[in-house]
Amino acid sequence: MKIEFDLGKINPDSKKFENQLLRKNIKNAIDIYAAKLPEVYRGLDNDVLDNVTIHIVDASNSDDYGQEAFTKRIKLDNSEFIIAISQFNGQTDIYELLAHELCHISQFLTGMIDDRVGNDSVIWKGEVFVLSSIPPQKRPWEKDAIKNQLKLYGTHPDINRFQK
C-alpha cells in the first residue's frame, strides 16, 4: 500500500498530520495491518493491496461529515481511497480508527460493499441499503468492520509496536 498525507485537502488550515513521527507511526501501523488483512478478509491478496494508494486527510472542521473518520473510494477500480480523520484522542485512538477504516477498504476490495448505486445507497453482499434509513451502528458493514478491526488492532494494543 502506498500512503500519502494530503494536508489541506479537506481542511485548508490543517496541521494535524504535519508531525513526521506521527506520519511514520501511521505508515508502520498500516503496514502491520495490511499484512494481516488477507487473513481477515478471504479472497484479498497482497498483490491487490500493493496496488492501492491511501490518502490520509484531515476532515476536522468539515461541515459535511459528523464522524470520527470515514473512508471514500476515489477510483472505481479500487486503486485509490481516502481515509479522512476528523478527530482522535492520542496515538492509541488513531490506530484503532485506521484499523476500522482499513476494514472498509478491504470490503471494497473483496466486493462485499459497492457504493456505485446512488448517493444515499450502498450494496452490501448483494442487498441494497438506503443510508438515511438505517443508523450507522446498525449498518452491517459497520458491524463487520468493528468485529474485524479487533483482529487487526487487537484487544490490548501496544502502541510501541508501531514505532520502529
Protein backbone atom coordinates (compact mmCIF):
# COMPACT_ATOMS: atom_id res chain seq x y z
CA MET A 1 0.00 0.00 0.00
CA LYS A 2 1.14 3.47 -0.79
CA ILE A 3 0.31 6.06 1.87
CA GLU A 4 0.07 9.78 1.16
CA PHE A 5 -0.73 12.58 3.57
CA ASP A 6 -2.81 15.20 1.82
CA LEU A 7 -2.51 18.22 4.04
CA GLY A 8 -5.24 20.75 3.47
CA LYS A 9 -7.28 18.66 1.03
CA ILE A 10 -10.48 18.90 3.07
CA ASN A 11 -9.37 21.29 5.79
CA PRO A 12 -7.10 24.02 4.32
CA ASP A 13 -5.87 25.03 7.80
CA SER A 14 -4.88 21.50 8.77
CA LYS A 15 -1.74 20.88 10.77
CA LYS A 16 -2.88 17.52 12.16
CA PHE A 17 -0.52 15.32 10.15
CA GLU A 18 2.49 17.62 9.86
CA ASN A 19 4.30 15.75 12.65
CA GLN A 20 6.79 13.43 10.93
CA LEU A 21 6.86 10.92 13.80
CA LEU A 22 3.05 10.59 13.70
CA ARG A 23 3.19 10.07 9.93
CA LYS A 24 5.87 7.40 10.30
CA ASN A 25 3.90 5.61 13.02
CA ILE A 26 0.71 5.73 10.92
CA LYS A 27 2.56 4.20 7.96
CA ASN A 28 4.05 1.50 10.19
CA ALA A 29 0.61 0.68 11.63
CA ILE A 30 -0.92 0.43 8.16
CA ASP A 31 1.91 -1.86 7.02
CA ILE A 32 1.30 -4.15 10.01
CA TYR A 33 -2.47 -4.16 9.41
CA ALA A 34 -2.07 -4.72 5.65
CA ALA A 35 -0.05 -7.87 6.34
CA LYS A 36 -2.98 -9.23 8.38
CA LEU A 37 -5.79 -8.21 6.01
CA PRO A 38 -5.66 -11.35 3.78
CA GLU A 39 -6.18 -13.49 6.90
CA VAL A 40 -9.19 -11.42 7.95
CA TYR A 41 -10.79 -10.91 4.51
CA ARG A 42 -10.63 -14.12 2.49
CA GLY A 43 -10.05 -13.53 -1.20
CA LEU A 44 -7.88 -10.49 -0.58
CA ASP A 45 -4.24 -10.92 -1.53
CA ASN A 46 -1.06 -8.93 -1.22
CA ASP A 47 -0.87 -8.21 -4.97
CA VAL A 48 -4.14 -6.30 -4.75
CA LEU A 49 -3.02 -4.46 -1.62
CA ASP A 50 0.29 -3.49 -3.23
CA ASN A 51 -1.61 -1.54 -5.91
CA VAL A 52 -3.71 0.54 -3.50
CA THR A 53 -2.99 4.17 -2.64
CA ILE A 54 -4.48 5.61 0.54
CA HIS A 55 -4.67 9.35 1.08
CA ILE A 56 -4.80 10.27 4.77
CA VAL A 57 -6.60 13.59 5.16
CA ASP A 58 -7.77 15.80 7.99
CA ALA A 59 -11.55 16.18 7.92
CA SER A 60 -11.87 18.23 11.11
CA ASN A 61 -13.87 21.43 10.81
CA SER A 62 -15.73 19.94 7.88
CA ASP A 63 -19.45 20.58 7.96
CA ASP A 64 -20.12 17.67 5.62
CA TYR A 65 -19.12 14.86 7.98
CA GLY A 66 -20.04 14.31 11.61
CA GLN A 67 -17.93 11.18 12.05
CA GLU A 68 -14.58 10.49 13.68
CA ALA A 69 -13.35 9.05 10.41
CA PHE A 70 -14.64 7.77 7.11
CA THR A 71 -13.37 6.01 4.01
CA LYS A 72 -14.23 7.04 0.49
CA ARG A 73 -13.33 5.28 -2.71
CA ILE A 74 -11.73 7.69 -5.20
CA LYS A 75 -11.31 5.40 -8.21
CA LEU A 76 -13.85 2.81 -9.33
CA ASP A 77 -11.07 0.28 -9.96
CA ASN A 78 -10.41 0.29 -6.18
CA SER A 79 -6.87 1.60 -6.59
CA GLU A 80 -7.29 4.80 -4.54
CA PHE A 81 -9.07 5.62 -1.31
CA ILE A 82 -9.30 8.49 1.15
CA ILE A 83 -9.24 7.90 4.89
CA ALA A 84 -10.49 11.17 6.34
CA ILE A 85 -9.96 11.61 10.05
CA SER A 86 -11.77 14.37 11.86
CA GLN A 87 -10.81 13.66 15.46
CA PHE A 88 -8.81 11.27 17.55
CA ASN A 89 -7.62 11.16 21.13
CA GLY A 90 -3.94 10.35 21.06
CA GLN A 91 -1.93 7.63 19.38
CA THR A 92 -3.96 4.65 20.55
CA ASP A 93 -7.20 6.03 19.15
CA ILE A 94 -5.81 6.84 15.69
CA TYR A 95 -4.50 3.30 15.30
CA GLU A 96 -7.91 1.89 16.13
CA LEU A 97 -9.55 4.28 13.64
CA LEU A 98 -7.07 3.21 10.95
CA ALA A 99 -7.78 -0.48 11.58
CA HIS A 100 -11.52 0.18 11.24
CA GLU A 101 -11.14 2.19 8.03
CA LEU A 102 -8.81 -0.42 6.52
CA CYS A 103 -11.59 -2.94 7.08
CA HIS A 104 -13.86 -0.76 4.93
CA ILE A 105 -11.20 -0.61 2.21
CA SER A 106 -10.98 -4.41 2.37
CA GLN A 107 -14.77 -4.61 1.99
CA PHE A 108 -14.47 -2.63 -1.26
CA LEU A 109 -11.53 -4.71 -2.48
CA THR A 110 -13.35 -8.02 -1.89
CA GLY A 111 -16.63 -6.82 -3.40
CA MET A 112 -18.55 -7.03 -0.15
CA ILE A 113 -19.65 -3.40 -0.49
CA ASP A 114 -20.34 -1.24 -3.53
CA ASP A 115 -21.24 2.44 -3.41
CA ARG A 116 -21.96 2.96 -7.12
CA VAL A 117 -25.74 2.64 -6.76
CA GLY A 118 -26.55 6.21 -5.76
CA ASN A 119 -25.66 9.00 -3.39
CA ASP A 120 -27.66 7.65 -0.44
CA SER A 121 -27.32 3.91 -1.07
CA VAL A 122 -24.82 1.07 -0.95
CA ILE A 123 -24.94 -2.59 -1.84
CA TRP A 124 -23.74 -4.87 0.95
CA LYS A 125 -23.32 -8.52 -0.03
CA GLY A 126 -25.92 -8.14 -2.78
CA GLU A 127 -28.52 -6.24 -0.74
CA VAL A 128 -29.27 -2.54 -1.31
CA PHE A 129 -29.29 -0.32 1.79
CA VAL A 130 -30.51 3.28 1.89
CA LEU A 131 -28.10 5.06 4.22
CA SER A 132 -30.58 7.63 5.51
CA SER A 133 -32.93 4.87 6.67
CA ILE A 134 -30.51 2.92 8.84
CA PRO A 135 -28.49 4.27 11.78
CA PRO A 136 -24.71 3.85 11.45
CA GLN A 137 -24.47 1.38 14.35
CA LYS A 138 -27.00 -0.92 12.64
CA ARG A 139 -25.28 -0.99 9.24
CA PRO A 140 -23.91 -4.48 8.57
CA TRP A 141 -20.66 -3.19 7.03
CA GLU A 142 -20.01 -1.20 10.22
CA LYS A 143 -20.66 -4.27 12.35
CA ASP A 144 -18.24 -6.24 10.15
CA ALA A 145 -15.56 -3.52 10.42
CA ILE A 146 -15.95 -3.31 14.21
CA LYS A 147 -15.60 -7.08 14.54
CA ASN A 148 -12.61 -7.30 12.21
CA GLN A 149 -10.76 -4.20 13.40
CA LEU A 150 -10.08 -6.12 16.61
CA LYS A 151 -8.29 -8.80 14.57
CA LEU A 152 -6.02 -6.09 13.18
CA TYR A 153 -5.68 -3.79 16.15
CA GLY A 154 -6.05 -6.32 18.96
CA THR A 155 -7.99 -6.03 22.14
CA HIS A 156 -4.96 -4.82 24.11
CA PRO A 157 -2.95 -2.60 21.77
CA ASP A 158 0.71 -1.94 22.36
CA ILE A 159 1.49 1.45 20.85
CA ASN A 160 5.19 0.70 20.79
CA ARG A 161 4.77 -1.98 18.11
CA PHE A 162 4.16 0.78 15.55
CA GLN A 163 7.27 2.71 16.40
CA LYS A 164 10.27 1.36 14.51
